[in-house]
Protein backbone atom coordinates (compact mmCIF):
# COMPACT_ATOMS: atom_id res chain seq x y z
CA MET A 1 49.90 -64.29 9.07
CA ASP A 2 48.12 -60.95 9.87
CA ASN A 3 49.79 -58.06 11.64
CA LYS A 4 48.46 -58.85 15.21
CA GLU A 5 49.90 -62.50 14.93
CA ILE A 6 53.34 -60.94 13.78
CA PHE A 7 53.15 -58.55 16.72
CA ARG A 8 52.18 -61.27 19.08
CA ASN A 9 55.06 -63.50 18.05
CA TRP A 10 57.45 -60.52 18.31
CA PHE A 11 56.17 -59.86 21.88
CA LEU A 12 56.57 -63.31 23.09
CA LYS A 13 60.11 -63.54 21.59
CA THR A 14 61.11 -60.13 23.06
CA ASN A 15 60.06 -61.04 26.61
CA LYS A 16 62.08 -64.29 26.52
CA GLU A 17 65.08 -62.44 25.14
CA GLN A 18 64.80 -59.73 27.65
CA PHE A 19 64.70 -62.34 30.50
CA GLU A 20 67.78 -64.19 29.16
CA ILE A 21 69.67 -60.75 28.76
CA ARG A 22 68.74 -59.72 32.45
CA GLN A 23 69.80 -63.10 33.81
CA LYS A 24 73.24 -62.83 31.95
CA MET A 25 73.87 -59.36 33.63
CA VAL A 26 73.08 -60.74 37.16
CA GLY A 27 76.26 -61.19 39.18
CA GLN A 28 78.25 -58.71 37.05
CA LYS A 29 79.49 -55.29 38.17
CA ILE A 30 78.87 -52.00 36.37
CA VAL A 31 82.29 -50.55 35.49
CA ALA A 32 81.39 -47.73 33.03
CA VAL A 33 78.42 -45.78 31.93
CA PHE A 34 77.97 -43.85 28.84
CA TYR A 35 75.39 -41.16 28.24
CA SER A 36 74.63 -37.61 27.18
CA PRO A 37 72.75 -35.39 29.74
CA PHE A 38 72.60 -32.48 27.26
CA VAL A 39 71.19 -31.86 23.72
CA ASP A 40 71.04 -28.59 21.91
CA GLY A 41 67.50 -27.09 22.41
CA TRP A 42 66.63 -28.68 25.57
CA ASP A 43 66.78 -26.14 28.33
CA ILE A 44 65.06 -27.58 31.24
CA GLU A 45 67.24 -27.77 34.34
CA ILE A 46 66.63 -30.53 37.00
CA LYS A 47 68.37 -29.26 40.04
CA ASP A 48 68.10 -32.47 41.99
CA GLU A 49 71.49 -34.07 41.60
CA THR A 50 70.04 -37.51 42.44
CA ILE A 51 67.97 -37.51 39.31
CA PHE A 52 69.43 -37.65 35.61
CA HIS A 53 67.59 -36.88 32.42
CA ILE A 54 68.86 -38.61 29.30
CA PRO A 55 67.17 -36.85 26.44
CA MET A 56 68.76 -38.99 23.84
CA GLY A 57 66.66 -42.00 25.18
CA PHE A 58 69.54 -44.42 25.74
CA ILE A 59 72.37 -45.19 28.28
CA THR A 60 75.30 -47.72 27.69
CA LEU A 61 76.60 -49.99 30.50
CA GLN A 62 79.88 -51.70 30.58
CA LEU A 63 80.02 -54.64 32.75
CA SER A 64 82.87 -56.52 34.42
CA ASP A 65 82.73 -59.22 31.96
CA ASN A 66 83.53 -56.54 29.42
CA ASN A 67 80.08 -56.92 27.65
CA TYR A 68 78.13 -53.75 26.81
CA TYR A 69 74.37 -53.34 27.11
CA ARG A 70 72.27 -50.32 26.15
CA ILE A 71 69.10 -49.22 27.93
CA ASN A 72 67.04 -47.91 25.44
CA THR A 73 63.44 -46.72 24.77
CA ASN A 74 62.67 -48.33 21.35
CA TYR A 75 60.10 -50.84 22.38
CA GLN A 76 56.95 -49.82 20.60
CA SER A 77 53.44 -50.50 21.50
CA TRP A 78 50.80 -52.12 19.10
CA CYS A 79 49.86 -48.71 17.98
CA GLY A 80 53.51 -47.81 17.04
CA GLY A 81 53.47 -44.33 18.60
CA ILE A 82 54.08 -45.03 22.17
CA PHE A 83 57.48 -46.21 23.33
CA GLY A 84 58.77 -48.37 26.35
CA ILE A 85 62.13 -49.31 27.79
CA LEU A 86 64.27 -52.47 27.39
CA ILE A 87 67.96 -53.78 27.18
CA GLU A 88 70.00 -54.40 24.09
CA PRO A 89 73.35 -56.11 23.98
CA ILE A 90 75.91 -53.86 22.15
CA ASP A 91 78.87 -54.96 20.30
CA PHE A 92 81.83 -52.81 21.43
CA ASN A 93 82.96 -52.02 17.82
CA LYS A 94 79.47 -50.89 16.91
CA PHE A 95 79.27 -48.92 20.26
CA SER A 96 82.72 -47.16 19.63
CA GLU A 97 81.89 -46.43 16.06
CA LYS A 98 78.49 -44.79 16.74
CA ILE A 99 79.00 -43.03 20.11
CA PHE A 100 78.07 -39.41 20.05
CA ASP A 101 80.42 -36.74 20.68
CA THR A 102 78.62 -35.71 23.81
CA ASP A 103 78.64 -39.17 25.26
CA LYS A 104 80.95 -39.66 28.07
CA ASP A 105 81.75 -42.35 30.66
CA TYR A 106 80.28 -40.77 33.94
CA PHE A 107 80.67 -43.81 36.26
CA ASN A 108 83.87 -42.43 38.04
CA SER A 109 83.13 -38.72 37.67
CA ASN A 110 79.61 -38.62 39.23
CA LYS A 111 79.12 -39.43 42.89
CA ASN A 112 75.69 -41.12 42.31
CA TRP A 113 77.34 -44.07 40.47
CA SER A 114 79.96 -44.46 43.13
CA THR A 115 77.28 -45.88 45.34
CA ILE A 116 77.26 -49.04 43.40
CA SER A 117 81.07 -49.23 42.71
CA ASN A 118 82.40 -52.90 43.29
CA SER A 119 78.81 -54.15 43.84
CA GLU A 120 77.27 -57.07 41.82
CA ILE A 121 73.84 -56.81 40.16
CA LEU A 122 71.55 -59.01 42.14
CA SER A 123 68.35 -58.85 39.88
CA ILE A 124 66.75 -56.60 37.38
CA ASP A 125 63.01 -55.90 37.37
CA TRP A 126 61.24 -55.11 33.97
CA ASN A 127 58.07 -53.18 35.00
CA TRP A 128 55.14 -52.55 32.74
CA LYS A 129 52.34 -49.97 32.80
CA ARG A 130 48.75 -50.21 31.35
CA GLU A 131 47.10 -47.00 31.15
CA PRO A 132 44.70 -45.45 32.09
CA ASN A 133 43.70 -48.52 33.91
CA CYS A 134 46.38 -49.33 36.42
CA LYS A 135 44.59 -52.11 38.53
CA LEU A 136 47.39 -54.54 37.55
CA ASP A 137 50.05 -52.60 39.58
CA GLY A 138 52.11 -54.84 41.88
CA LYS A 139 50.85 -57.95 40.13
CA LYS A 140 53.12 -60.62 38.47
CA LEU A 141 51.59 -61.80 35.13
CA THR A 142 52.48 -64.96 33.06
CA LEU A 143 53.01 -64.47 29.39
CA ASN A 144 49.69 -65.94 28.60
CA GLN A 145 47.98 -63.54 31.07
CA ALA A 146 49.77 -60.60 29.47
CA GLU A 147 48.44 -61.54 26.11
CA ASN A 148 45.04 -60.50 27.30
CA TYR A 149 46.22 -56.87 27.04
CA LEU A 150 48.73 -57.13 24.23
CA TYR A 151 46.80 -55.03 21.76
CA GLU A 152 46.02 -52.03 23.99
CA ASP A 153 47.81 -48.84 23.00
CA CYS A 154 49.16 -48.12 26.35
CA PHE A 155 50.55 -51.73 27.34
CA VAL A 156 54.30 -50.84 27.49
CA PRO A 157 57.33 -51.61 29.66
CA ASP A 158 57.76 -48.43 31.73
CA ASN A 159 60.86 -48.85 33.81
CA LEU A 160 63.84 -51.18 34.67
CA VAL A 161 65.00 -51.45 38.52
CA PHE A 162 68.50 -52.59 39.28
CA HIS A 163 69.11 -54.21 42.62
CA PHE A 164 72.83 -54.45 43.94
CA SER A 165 74.55 -56.59 46.37
CA ASN A 166 75.30 -53.45 48.68
CA GLY A 167 71.51 -52.86 48.92
CA GLU A 168 71.54 -49.92 46.53
CA THR A 169 68.77 -49.63 43.99
CA ILE A 170 68.72 -47.65 40.72
CA TYR A 171 65.59 -46.82 38.67
CA PHE A 172 65.43 -46.18 34.75
CA PHE A 173 62.17 -44.90 33.57
CA SER A 174 60.85 -44.12 30.10
CA LEU A 175 59.47 -40.74 31.07
CA GLU A 176 59.82 -37.23 29.65
CA PRO A 177 59.86 -34.18 31.94
CA ASP A 178 57.47 -31.56 30.56
CA ALA A 179 58.19 -27.75 30.93
CA GLU A 180 55.20 -27.19 33.06
CA ILE A 181 56.24 -26.77 36.69
CA VAL A 182 54.26 -28.70 39.20
CA ASN A 183 54.09 -27.21 42.78
CA ASN A 184 56.91 -24.96 41.91
CA LYS A 185 59.25 -27.96 42.54
CA THR A 186 59.28 -30.50 39.79
CA TYR A 187 57.93 -30.95 36.18
CA ALA A 188 55.04 -32.86 34.84
CA LEU A 189 55.98 -36.40 33.58
CA ILE A 190 54.89 -37.82 30.21
CA SER A 191 55.02 -41.59 29.83
CA GLY A 192 55.46 -43.56 26.73
CA GLY A 193 58.25 -41.24 25.38
CA GLU A 194 61.66 -41.78 24.03
CA GLU A 195 63.57 -40.09 27.01
CA ILE A 196 64.96 -41.68 29.94
CA MET A 197 64.95 -40.42 33.60
CA VAL A 198 67.27 -42.12 36.11
CA PHE A 199 66.43 -42.11 39.80
CA PHE A 200 69.02 -43.01 42.73
CA LYS A 201 66.64 -42.53 45.49
CA ALA A 202 63.20 -44.28 46.10
CA ASP A 203 61.98 -41.11 48.05
CA ARG A 204 62.45 -39.00 44.88
CA LEU A 205 59.93 -41.23 43.11
CA LYS A 206 57.22 -39.89 45.41
CA LYS A 207 58.45 -36.31 45.01
CA TRP A 208 57.88 -36.75 41.27
CA GLU A 209 54.51 -38.27 41.91
CA ILE A 210 55.46 -41.74 40.67
CA LYS A 211 53.13 -43.78 42.73
CA THR A 212 53.78 -47.12 41.35
CA LEU A 213 56.32 -49.18 39.40
CA GLY A 214 53.62 -51.04 37.54
CA PHE A 215 53.66 -54.92 37.17
CA GLU A 216 55.99 -57.74 35.97
CA ILE A 217 55.54 -60.25 33.21
CA LEU A 218 57.12 -63.59 34.31
CA ILE A 219 59.03 -66.03 32.23
CA ASP A 220 58.93 -69.64 33.45
CA GLY A 221 57.55 -68.41 36.88
CA LYS A 222 60.74 -66.04 37.25
């Protein structure tokens, strides 16, 4: 079996696993959110309080069924140098042993998370990007259709969108804000990186010039 076939098998397996993970999370409530918004040496300040930057590249959710899930940026493209976002189940003992000193539960201490307090997860979208050709944006591909683009360097999952029963939506992007100021308001965004940006308001996406959420890959038509 050559490297391409190994990657193809991993891709198919990963997509099915991610679908099952997301389905398991549906109907649950988020009760705790652990992350670190600061690291030594990173000095960019994002003044908009409805946007979080997670430089460590992962954020851990505790759900109402007492299961833990980590939103992480360790999906790698075929070339191995471009990263994307996915969800990993995390054993509580493993999580508590390896938690960073700067990681804290921000769910009850930050007003942004309070908007989804006691609200169930209705659905989770896993959206992909294909750069530099974005003609697939807004489409829904089957796994077979997605295989046509599998070995392109920039074919990676770009974001996760959580929809809640009270109508709120939270966007988790695999993006890195660059130090270059754009229009004296925001920063240039680098895709395919290991950092995470969280948006709590859809209108902030336009402000940061995020024009599309990409496309989805369907499993069994869902």
